């Protein structure tokens, strides 16, 4: 029964990792990235709520006269 020759496995594994790394680098280099991302000033519209125009007083139980 012949024995399995594993002497070339290290070379194959290292060359596979090198090839995958090169392919990954080539794929990443084809993407266009923004060079200077700037924050956009977003204005939130002010919502008019009905209780902003009315005068209301909240009574707390501890603030009532005894």
PDB file of N, CA and C in Angstrom:
ATOM      1  N   UNK A   1       0.847  -1.171   0.000  1.00  0.00           N
ATOM      2  CA  UNK A   1       0.000   0.000   0.000  1.00  0.00           C
ATOM      3  C   UNK A   1       0.898   1.241   0.000  1.00  0.00           C
ATOM      4  N   UNK A   2       0.711   2.133  -0.980  1.00  0.00           N
ATOM      5  CA  UNK A   2       1.592   3.305  -1.033  1.00  0.00           C
ATOM      6  C   UNK A   2       1.237   4.326   0.048  1.00  0.00           C
ATOM      7  N   UNK A   3       2.239   5.023   0.467  1.00  0.00           N
ATOM      8  CA  UNK A   3       2.017   6.040   1.493  1.00  0.00           C
ATOM      9  C   UNK A   3       1.726   7.385   0.851  1.00  0.00           C
ATOM     10  N   UNK A   4       0.980   8.210   1.589  1.00  0.00           N
ATOM     11  CA  UNK A   4       0.609   9.519   1.095  1.00  0.00           C
ATOM     12  C   UNK A   4       1.789  10.472   1.255  1.00  0.00           C
ATOM     13  N   UNK A   5       2.143  11.116   0.169  1.00  0.00           N
ATOM     14  CA  UNK A   5       3.273  12.045   0.200  1.00  0.00           C
ATOM     15  C   UNK A   5       2.753  13.429   0.604  1.00  0.00           C
ATOM     16  N   UNK A   6       3.130  13.874   1.787  1.00  0.00           N
ATOM     17  CA  UNK A   6       2.652  15.166   2.307  1.00  0.00           C
ATOM     18  C   UNK A   6       3.735  16.233   2.265  1.00  0.00           C
ATOM     19  N   UNK A   7       4.800  16.006   1.570  1.00  0.00           N
ATOM     20  CA  UNK A   7       5.901  16.969   1.573  1.00  0.00           C
ATOM     21  C   UNK A   7       5.552  18.257   0.814  1.00  0.00           C
ATOM     22  N   UNK A   8       4.637  18.192  -0.112  1.00  0.00           N
ATOM     23  CA  UNK A   8       4.296  19.392  -0.884  1.00  0.00           C
ATOM     24  C   UNK A   8       3.084  20.138  -0.334  1.00  0.00           C
ATOM     25  N   UNK A   9       2.503  19.649   0.737  1.00  0.00           N
ATOM     26  CA  UNK A   9       1.307  20.286   1.272  1.00  0.00           C
ATOM     27  C   UNK A   9       1.581  21.703   1.771  1.00  0.00           C
ATOM     28  N   UNK A  10       2.697  21.904   2.425  1.00  0.00           N
ATOM     29  CA  UNK A  10       3.014  23.226   2.943  1.00  0.00           C
ATOM     30  C   UNK A  10       3.145  24.231   1.801  1.00  0.00           C
ATOM     31  N   UNK A  11       3.781  23.835   0.739  1.00  0.00           N
ATOM     32  CA  UNK A  11       3.929  24.713  -0.422  1.00  0.00           C
ATOM     33  C   UNK A  11       2.569  25.031  -1.035  1.00  0.00           C
ATOM     34  N   UNK A  12       1.722  24.035  -1.137  1.00  0.00           N
ATOM     35  CA  UNK A  12       0.396  24.261  -1.716  1.00  0.00           C
ATOM     36  C   UNK A  12      -0.458  25.175  -0.837  1.00  0.00           C
ATOM     37  N   UNK A  13      -0.396  24.977   0.464  1.00  0.00           N
ATOM     38  CA  UNK A  13      -1.204  25.797   1.375  1.00  0.00           C
ATOM     39  C   UNK A  13      -0.715  27.235   1.365  1.00  0.00           C
ATOM     40  N   UNK A  14       0.587  27.426   1.398  1.00  0.00           N
ATOM     41  CA  UNK A  14       1.123  28.790   1.379  1.00  0.00           C
ATOM     42  C   UNK A  14       0.832  29.496   0.051  1.00  0.00           C
ATOM     43  N   UNK A  15       0.939  28.781  -1.036  1.00  0.00           N
ATOM     44  CA  UNK A  15       0.631  29.403  -2.324  1.00  0.00           C
ATOM     45  C   UNK A  15      -0.857  29.710  -2.445  1.00  0.00           C
ATOM     46  N   UNK A  16      -1.703  28.882  -1.842  1.00  0.00           N
ATOM     47  CA  UNK A  16      -3.134  29.156  -1.852  1.00  0.00           C
ATOM     48  C   UNK A  16      -3.444  30.427  -1.064  1.00  0.00           C
ATOM     49  N   UNK A  17      -2.841  30.573   0.123  1.00  0.00           N
ATOM     50  CA  UNK A  17      -3.062  31.788   0.909  1.00  0.00           C
ATOM     51  C   UNK A  17      -2.542  33.023   0.187  1.00  0.00           C
ATOM     52  N   UNK A  18      -1.414  32.915  -0.448  1.00  0.00           N
ATOM     53  CA  UNK A  18      -0.872  34.035  -1.198  1.00  0.00           C
ATOM     54  C   UNK A  18      -1.791  34.416  -2.360  1.00  0.00           C
ATOM     55  N   UNK A  19      -2.307  33.431  -3.053  1.00  0.00           N
ATOM     56  CA  UNK A  19      -3.216  33.692  -4.170  1.00  0.00           C
ATOM     57  C   UNK A  19      -4.518  34.326  -3.684  1.00  0.00           C
ATOM     58  N   UNK A  20      -5.067  33.826  -2.596  1.00  0.00           N
ATOM     59  CA  UNK A  20      -6.299  34.410  -2.056  1.00  0.00           C
ATOM     60  C   UNK A  20      -6.077  35.841  -1.590  1.00  0.00           C
ATOM     61  N   UNK A  21      -4.917  36.100  -1.002  1.00  0.00           N
ATOM     62  CA  UNK A  21      -4.612  37.449  -0.554  1.00  0.00           C
ATOM     63  C   UNK A  21      -4.510  38.406  -1.738  1.00  0.00           C
ATOM     64  N   UNK A  22      -3.870  37.980  -2.796  1.00  0.00           N
ATOM     65  CA  UNK A  22      -3.732  38.827  -3.983  1.00  0.00           C
ATOM     66  C   UNK A  22      -5.091  39.077  -4.625  1.00  0.00           C
ATOM     67  N   UNK A  23      -5.919  38.053  -4.722  1.00  0.00           N
ATOM     68  CA  UNK A  23      -7.257  38.221  -5.306  1.00  0.00           C
ATOM     69  C   UNK A  23      -8.094  39.178  -4.458  1.00  0.00           C
ATOM     70  N   UNK A  24      -8.007  39.038  -3.149  1.00  0.00           N
ATOM     71  CA  UNK A  24      -8.749  39.925  -2.262  1.00  0.00           C
ATOM     72  C   UNK A  24      -8.276  41.370  -2.413  1.00  0.00           C
ATOM     73  N   UNK A  25      -6.982  41.570  -2.499  1.00  0.00           N
ATOM     74  CA  UNK A  25      -6.449  42.918  -2.666  1.00  0.00           C
ATOM     75  C   UNK A  25      -6.889  43.527  -3.998  1.00  0.00           C
ATOM     76  N   UNK A  26      -6.921  42.731  -5.033  1.00  0.00           N
ATOM     77  CA  UNK A  26      -7.366  43.240  -6.331  1.00  0.00           C
ATOM     78  C   UNK A  26      -8.840  43.614  -6.316  1.00  0.00           C
ATOM     79  N   UNK A  27      -9.651  42.810  -5.627  1.00  0.00           N
ATOM     80  CA  UNK A  27     -11.080  43.124  -5.552  1.00  0.00           C
ATOM     81  C   UNK A  27     -11.323  44.383  -4.725  1.00  0.00           C
ATOM     82  N   UNK A  28     -10.590  44.549  -3.649  1.00  0.00           N
ATOM     83  CA  UNK A  28     -10.783  45.721  -2.802  1.00  0.00           C
ATOM     84  C   UNK A  28     -10.301  46.974  -3.518  1.00  0.00           C
ATOM     85  N   UNK A  29      -9.242  46.861  -4.299  1.00  0.00           N
ATOM     86  CA  UNK A  29      -8.684  48.046  -4.949  1.00  0.00           C
ATOM     87  C   UNK A  29      -9.585  48.589  -6.051  1.00  0.00           C
ATOM     88  N   UNK A  30     -10.560  47.826  -6.512  1.00  0.00           N
ATOM     89  CA  UNK A  30     -11.453  48.289  -7.565  1.00  0.00           C
ATOM     90  C   UNK A  30     -12.619  49.128  -7.024  1.00  0.00           C
ATOM     91  N   UNK A  31     -12.776  49.180  -5.702  1.00  0.00           N
ATOM     92  CA  UNK A  31     -13.862  49.961  -5.112  1.00  0.00           C
ATOM     93  C   UNK A  31     -13.469  51.424  -5.049  1.00  0.00           C
ATOM     94  N   UNK A  32     -14.453  52.282  -5.249  1.00  0.00           N
ATOM     95  CA  UNK A  32     -14.238  53.721  -5.122  1.00  0.00           C
ATOM     96  C   UNK A  32     -14.697  54.161  -3.742  1.00  0.00           C
ATOM     97  N   UNK A  33     -13.778  54.716  -2.979  1.00  0.00           N
ATOM     98  CA  UNK A  33     -14.083  55.207  -1.653  1.00  0.00           C
ATOM     99  C   UNK A  33     -14.033  56.724  -1.662  1.00  0.00           C
ATOM    100  N   UNK A  34     -14.819  57.340  -0.797  1.00  0.00           N
ATOM    101  CA  UNK A  34     -14.782  58.791  -0.662  1.00  0.00           C
ATOM    102  C   UNK A  34     -13.491  59.169   0.052  1.00  0.00           C
ATOM    103  N   UNK A  35     -12.832  60.188  -0.468  1.00  0.00           N
ATOM    104  CA  UNK A  35     -11.561  60.578   0.122  1.00  0.00           C
ATOM    105  C   UNK A  35     -11.754  61.441   1.366  1.00  0.00           C
ATOM    106  N   UNK A  36     -12.625  62.456   1.292  1.00  0.00           N
ATOM    107  CA  UNK A  36     -12.863  63.335   2.433  1.00  0.00           C
ATOM    108  C   UNK A  36     -14.353  63.340   2.763  1.00  0.00           C
ATOM    109  N   UNK A  37     -14.797  62.422   3.583  1.00  0.00           N
ATOM    110  CA  UNK A  37     -16.216  62.466   3.952  1.00  0.00           C
ATOM    111  C   UNK A  37     -16.473  63.655   4.875  1.00  0.00           C
ATOM    112  N   UNK A  38     -17.480  64.438   4.561  1.00  0.00           N
ATOM    113  CA  UNK A  38     -17.825  65.601   5.365  1.00  0.00           C
ATOM    114  C   UNK A  38     -19.209  65.412   5.963  1.00  0.00           C
ATOM    115  N   UNK A  39     -19.363  65.931   7.157  1.00  0.00           N
ATOM    116  CA  UNK A  39     -20.650  65.834   7.818  1.00  0.00           C
ATOM    117  C   UNK A  39     -21.607  66.852   7.214  1.00  0.00           C
ATOM    118  N   UNK A  40     -22.786  66.408   6.909  1.00  0.00           N
ATOM    119  CA  UNK A  40     -23.793  67.313   6.373  1.00  0.00           C
ATOM    120  C   UNK A  40     -24.632  67.835   7.528  1.00  0.00           C
ATOM    121  N   UNK A  41     -24.845  69.133   7.526  1.00  0.00           N
ATOM    122  CA  UNK A  41     -25.671  69.731   8.563  1.00  0.00           C
ATOM    123  C   UNK A  41     -27.133  69.465   8.228  1.00  0.00           C
ATOM    124  N   UNK A  42     -27.762  68.671   9.038  1.00  0.00           N
ATOM    125  CA  UNK A  42     -29.171  68.362   8.797  1.00  0.00           C
ATOM    126  C   UNK A  42     -30.021  69.198   9.747  1.00  0.00           C
ATOM    127  N   UNK A  43     -31.021  69.840   9.198  1.00  0.00           N
ATOM    128  CA  UNK A  43     -31.938  70.640  10.007  1.00  0.00           C
ATOM    129  C   UNK A  43     -33.203  69.831  10.241  1.00  0.00           C
ATOM    130  N   UNK A  44     -33.542  69.703  11.499  1.00  0.00           N
ATOM    131  CA  UNK A  44     -34.780  69.004  11.813  1.00  0.00           C
ATOM    132  C   UNK A  44     -35.905  70.038  11.869  1.00  0.00           C
ATOM    133  N   UNK A  45     -36.990  69.784  11.198  1.00  0.00           N
ATOM    134  CA  UNK A  45     -38.090  70.759  11.225  1.00  0.00           C
ATOM    135  C   UNK A  45     -38.738  70.802  12.601  1.00  0.00           C
ATOM    136  N   UNK A  46     -39.038  72.006  13.038  1.00  0.00           N
ATOM    137  CA  UNK A  46     -39.660  72.155  14.354  1.00  0.00           C
ATOM    138  C   UNK A  46     -41.134  71.788  14.252  1.00  0.00           C
ATOM    139  N   UNK A  47     -41.536  70.874  15.097  1.00  0.00           N
ATOM    140  CA  UNK A  47     -42.924  70.438  15.083  1.00  0.00           C
ATOM    141  C   UNK A  47     -43.715  71.249  16.105  1.00  0.00           C
ATOM    142  N   UNK A  48     -44.802  71.813  15.647  1.00  0.00           N
ATOM    143  CA  UNK A  48     -45.655  72.575  16.553  1.00  0.00           C
ATOM    144  C   UNK A  48     -46.612  71.621  17.250  1.00  0.00           C
ATOM    145  N   UNK A  49     -46.509  71.587  18.551  1.00  0.00           N
ATOM    146  CA  UNK A  49     -47.397  70.738  19.333  1.00  0.00           C
ATOM    147  C   UNK A  49     -48.419  71.617  20.033  1.00  0.00           C
ATOM    148  N   UNK A  50     -49.611  71.097  20.279  1.00  0.00           N
ATOM    149  CA  UNK A  50     -50.669  71.942  20.865  1.00  0.00           C
ATOM    150  C   UNK A  50     -50.333  72.435  22.262  1.00  0.00           C
ATOM    151  N   UNK A  51     -49.523  71.721  23.019  1.00  0.00           N
ATOM    152  CA  UNK A  51     -49.267  72.145  24.387  1.00  0.00           C
ATOM    153  C   UNK A  51     -48.162  73.201  24.462  1.00  0.00           C
ATOM    154  N   UNK A  52     -47.522  73.517  23.368  1.00  0.00           N
ATOM    155  CA  UNK A  52     -46.509  74.567  23.421  1.00  0.00           C
ATOM    156  C   UNK A  52     -47.147  75.959  23.460  1.00  0.00           C
ATOM    157  N   UNK A  53     -48.331  76.106  22.910  1.00  0.00           N
ATOM    158  CA  UNK A  53     -48.976  77.422  22.881  1.00  0.00           C
ATOM    159  C   UNK A  53     -49.872  77.639  24.083  1.00  0.00           C
ATOM    160  N   UNK A  54     -50.188  76.626  24.847  1.00  0.00           N
ATOM    161  CA  UNK A  54     -51.072  76.758  26.003  1.00  0.00           C
ATOM    162  C   UNK A  54     -50.251  76.852  27.280  1.00  0.00           C
ATOM    163  N   UNK A  55     -50.823  77.572  28.245  1.00  0.00           N
ATOM    164  CA  UNK A  55     -50.184  77.646  29.546  1.00  0.00           C
ATOM    165  C   UNK A  55     -50.781  76.562  30.411  1.00  0.00           C
ATOM    166  N   UNK A  56     -49.957  75.688  30.866  1.00  0.00           N
ATOM    167  CA  UNK A  56     -50.455  74.617  31.729  1.00  0.00           C
ATOM    168  C   UNK A  56     -49.636  74.614  33.003  1.00  0.00           C
ATOM    169  N   UNK A  57     -50.261  74.256  34.065  1.00  0.00           N
ATOM    170  CA  UNK A  57     -49.576  74.165  35.347  1.00  0.00           C
ATOM    171  C   UNK A  57     -49.766  72.755  35.877  1.00  0.00           C
ATOM    172  N   UNK A  58     -48.681  72.167  36.268  1.00  0.00           N
ATOM    173  CA  UNK A  58     -48.731  70.818  36.807  1.00  0.00           C
ATOM    174  C   UNK A  58     -48.636  70.910  38.321  1.00  0.00           C
ATOM    175  N   UNK A  59     -49.591  70.299  38.977  1.00  0.00           N
ATOM    176  CA  UNK A  59     -49.584  70.295  40.431  1.00  0.00           C
ATOM    177  C   UNK A  59     -49.004  68.974  40.918  1.00  0.00           C
ATOM    178  N   UNK A  60     -48.000  69.083  41.713  1.00  0.00           N
ATOM    179  CA  UNK A  60     -47.443  67.904  42.336  1.00  0.00           C
ATOM    180  C   UNK A  60     -48.128  67.668  43.670  1.00  0.00           C
ATOM    181  N   UNK A  61     -48.266  66.449  44.088  1.00  0.00           N
ATOM    182  CA  UNK A  61     -48.948  66.206  45.375  1.00  0.00           C
ATOM    183  C   UNK A  61     -48.230  66.848  46.558  1.00  0.00           C
ATOM    184  N   UNK A  62     -46.917  66.953  46.507  1.00  0.00           N
ATOM    185  CA  UNK A  62     -46.204  67.527  47.647  1.00  0.00           C
ATOM    186  C   UNK A  62     -46.251  69.050  47.658  1.00  0.00           C
ATOM    187  N   UNK A  63     -46.638  69.667  46.542  1.00  0.00           N
ATOM    188  CA  UNK A  63     -46.658  71.134  46.501  1.00  0.00           C
ATOM    189  C   UNK A  63     -48.022  71.712  46.869  1.00  0.00           C
ATOM    190  N   UNK A  64     -48.977  70.857  47.182  1.00  0.00           N
ATOM    191  CA  UNK A  64     -50.300  71.356  47.565  1.00  0.00           C
ATOM    192  C   UNK A  64     -50.254  71.888  49.018  1.00  0.00           C
ATOM    193  N   UNK A  65     -51.020  72.940  49.283  1.00  0.00           N
ATOM    194  CA  UNK A  65     -51.024  73.450  50.673  1.00  0.00           C
ATOM    195  C   UNK A  65     -51.718  72.463  51.611  1.00  0.00           C
ATOM    196  N   UNK A  66     -51.255  72.429  52.847  1.00  0.00           N
ATOM    197  CA  UNK A  66     -51.844  71.512  53.828  1.00  0.00           C
ATOM    198  C   UNK A  66     -53.059  72.068  54.500  1.00  0.00           C
TER     199      UNK A  66
END
